[in-house]
Amino acid sequence: MTTQDMLDERYGRRRSPARAWLIGAGIVVAVGVVGLFGWFTVRGSLNSVDSDTTSFEVVDEHSVMLGFQISNPPGAAVACAIEAQDEEHGVVGWRIVELPASDLHARAFREAIPTTALATTGFVNSCWVLPG
């Protein structure tokens, strides 16, 4: 009899095979949850679109020319919401631009934004992959 067995007998502790199975099952479930979380994270980032505003030019009080670049999954069509604001950060113009699918990962564009008043800035609000 080992020392551990003598201590277990003295203090009434028993080693149960059911407890070992329960601990093993808990570890398997925890590994599964971590793996599932990792897969959802990777899957979400595969269809993400990154955008950066590279330039803007106030043409007149009725339009702004916006330069921007996007990084998206190759072969996916993308839509971007572009926006122009005045000096008080009020939206004075916006539009949705649909960009065709391409084999390139990164592309640059210049688009005009019609405005209702004089704008002081233009930027890309958000971009997303179009279904299909």
Protein backbone atom coordinates (compact mmCIF):
# COMPACT_ATOMS: atom_id res chain seq x y z
CA MET A 1 0.00 0.00 0.00
CA THR A 2 1.40 3.41 -0.95
CA THR A 3 1.49 6.44 1.27
CA GLN A 4 -1.20 8.10 -0.83
CA ASP A 5 -3.44 5.04 -0.43
CA MET A 6 -2.90 5.07 3.35
CA LEU A 7 -3.75 8.77 3.55
CA ASP A 8 -6.86 8.29 1.40
CA GLU A 9 -8.00 5.42 3.64
CA ARG A 10 -7.27 7.34 6.84
CA TYR A 11 -9.21 10.47 5.79
CA GLY A 12 -11.99 8.71 3.90
CA ARG A 13 -11.07 9.88 0.41
CA ARG A 14 -11.79 7.61 -2.49
CA ARG A 15 -10.57 7.86 -6.04
CA SER A 16 -13.51 7.48 -8.32
CA PRO A 17 -13.17 6.49 -11.97
CA ALA A 18 -16.32 8.53 -12.68
CA ARG A 19 -14.56 11.65 -11.45
CA ALA A 20 -11.64 11.03 -13.81
CA TRP A 21 -14.07 10.66 -16.72
CA LEU A 22 -15.84 13.85 -15.72
CA ILE A 23 -12.56 15.79 -15.63
CA GLY A 24 -11.56 14.33 -19.00
CA ALA A 25 -14.92 15.24 -20.54
CA GLY A 26 -14.59 18.79 -19.15
CA ILE A 27 -11.17 19.16 -20.75
CA VAL A 28 -12.50 17.89 -24.11
CA VAL A 29 -15.43 20.35 -23.97
CA ALA A 30 -13.10 23.24 -23.08
CA VAL A 31 -10.76 22.42 -25.99
CA GLY A 32 -13.78 22.20 -28.30
CA VAL A 33 -15.11 25.61 -27.22
CA VAL A 34 -11.70 27.24 -27.68
CA GLY A 35 -11.38 25.64 -31.13
CA LEU A 36 -14.86 26.80 -32.15
CA PHE A 37 -14.14 30.35 -30.98
CA GLY A 38 -10.90 30.33 -32.97
CA TRP A 39 -12.69 29.12 -36.11
CA PHE A 40 -15.37 31.83 -35.85
CA THR A 41 -12.64 34.45 -35.42
CA VAL A 42 -10.71 33.26 -38.47
CA ARG A 43 -13.85 32.87 -40.60
CA GLY A 44 -14.97 36.41 -39.75
CA SER A 45 -11.62 37.91 -40.69
CA LEU A 46 -11.49 36.07 -44.04
CA ASN A 47 -14.40 38.17 -45.35
CA SER A 48 -13.36 41.45 -43.79
CA VAL A 49 -12.66 44.59 -45.81
CA ASP A 50 -10.16 47.20 -44.67
CA SER A 51 -10.38 50.72 -46.05
CA ASP A 52 -8.20 53.80 -45.78
CA THR A 53 -8.91 57.32 -46.95
CA THR A 54 -5.90 58.51 -48.92
CA SER A 55 -7.07 61.95 -50.05
CA PHE A 56 -10.00 64.28 -50.42
CA GLU A 57 -10.47 67.41 -52.48
CA VAL A 58 -13.31 69.87 -52.06
CA VAL A 59 -14.20 70.59 -55.69
CA ASP A 60 -16.92 73.14 -54.93
CA GLU A 61 -19.90 73.49 -52.58
CA HIS A 62 -21.68 70.67 -54.41
CA SER A 63 -19.05 67.93 -54.54
CA VAL A 64 -16.00 66.36 -52.93
CA MET A 65 -13.55 64.04 -54.68
CA LEU A 66 -12.46 61.21 -52.38
CA GLY A 67 -9.42 58.98 -52.81
CA PHE A 68 -9.36 55.71 -50.90
CA GLN A 69 -7.95 52.22 -50.98
CA ILE A 70 -9.43 48.92 -49.90
CA SER A 71 -8.04 45.50 -49.01
CA ASN A 72 -10.56 42.74 -49.52
CA PRO A 73 -10.71 39.02 -50.27
CA PRO A 74 -9.74 38.41 -53.92
CA GLY A 75 -12.72 37.63 -56.13
CA ALA A 76 -15.25 39.37 -53.89
CA ALA A 77 -17.37 42.35 -54.91
CA VAL A 78 -17.38 45.12 -52.30
CA ALA A 79 -19.62 48.06 -51.39
CA CYS A 80 -18.42 51.13 -49.50
CA ALA A 81 -20.31 53.94 -47.82
CA ILE A 82 -18.43 57.18 -48.48
CA GLU A 83 -19.27 60.40 -46.69
CA ALA A 84 -18.60 64.14 -46.70
CA GLN A 85 -18.94 66.34 -43.61
CA ASP A 86 -18.94 70.07 -42.91
CA GLU A 87 -16.82 71.85 -40.29
CA GLU A 88 -19.33 71.00 -37.54
CA HIS A 89 -19.15 67.28 -38.45
CA GLY A 90 -22.61 67.32 -39.98
CA VAL A 91 -23.12 64.97 -42.92
CA VAL A 92 -23.54 67.04 -46.07
CA GLY A 93 -23.17 64.19 -48.58
CA TRP A 94 -22.84 60.44 -48.85
CA ARG A 95 -23.24 57.60 -51.26
CA ILE A 96 -22.84 53.85 -51.56
CA VAL A 97 -20.23 52.78 -54.10
CA GLU A 98 -20.29 49.21 -55.43
CA LEU A 99 -16.86 48.01 -56.50
CA PRO A 100 -16.59 45.01 -58.84
CA ALA A 101 -14.80 41.80 -57.91
CA SER A 102 -11.10 41.59 -58.74
CA ASP A 103 -8.26 39.12 -58.34
CA LEU A 104 -6.24 41.84 -56.57
CA HIS A 105 -6.12 41.99 -52.78
CA ALA A 106 -5.64 45.78 -52.56
CA ARG A 107 -7.02 48.44 -54.90
CA ALA A 108 -7.25 52.24 -55.01
CA PHE A 109 -10.22 54.34 -56.15
CA ARG A 110 -11.32 57.96 -56.62
CA GLU A 111 -15.02 58.74 -56.33
CA ALA A 112 -17.08 61.93 -56.29
CA ILE A 113 -19.50 62.60 -53.44
CA PRO A 114 -22.37 65.00 -54.19
CA THR A 115 -22.95 67.45 -51.31
CA THR A 116 -25.78 69.73 -50.20
CA ALA A 117 -23.41 72.33 -48.69
CA LEU A 118 -19.70 73.13 -48.57
CA ALA A 119 -17.83 70.15 -47.12
CA THR A 120 -14.57 70.27 -45.19
CA THR A 121 -13.72 66.57 -45.24
CA GLY A 122 -14.47 63.30 -46.95
CA PHE A 123 -13.83 59.74 -45.79
CA VAL A 124 -14.85 56.09 -46.08
CA ASN A 125 -17.43 55.31 -43.43
CA SER A 126 -17.44 51.52 -43.91
CA CYS A 127 -17.01 48.74 -46.47
CA TRP A 128 -18.42 45.22 -46.71
CA VAL A 129 -18.35 42.19 -49.00
CA LEU A 130 -21.42 41.90 -51.21
CA PRO A 131 -23.23 38.55 -51.15
CA GLY A 132 -23.07 36.41 -54.21
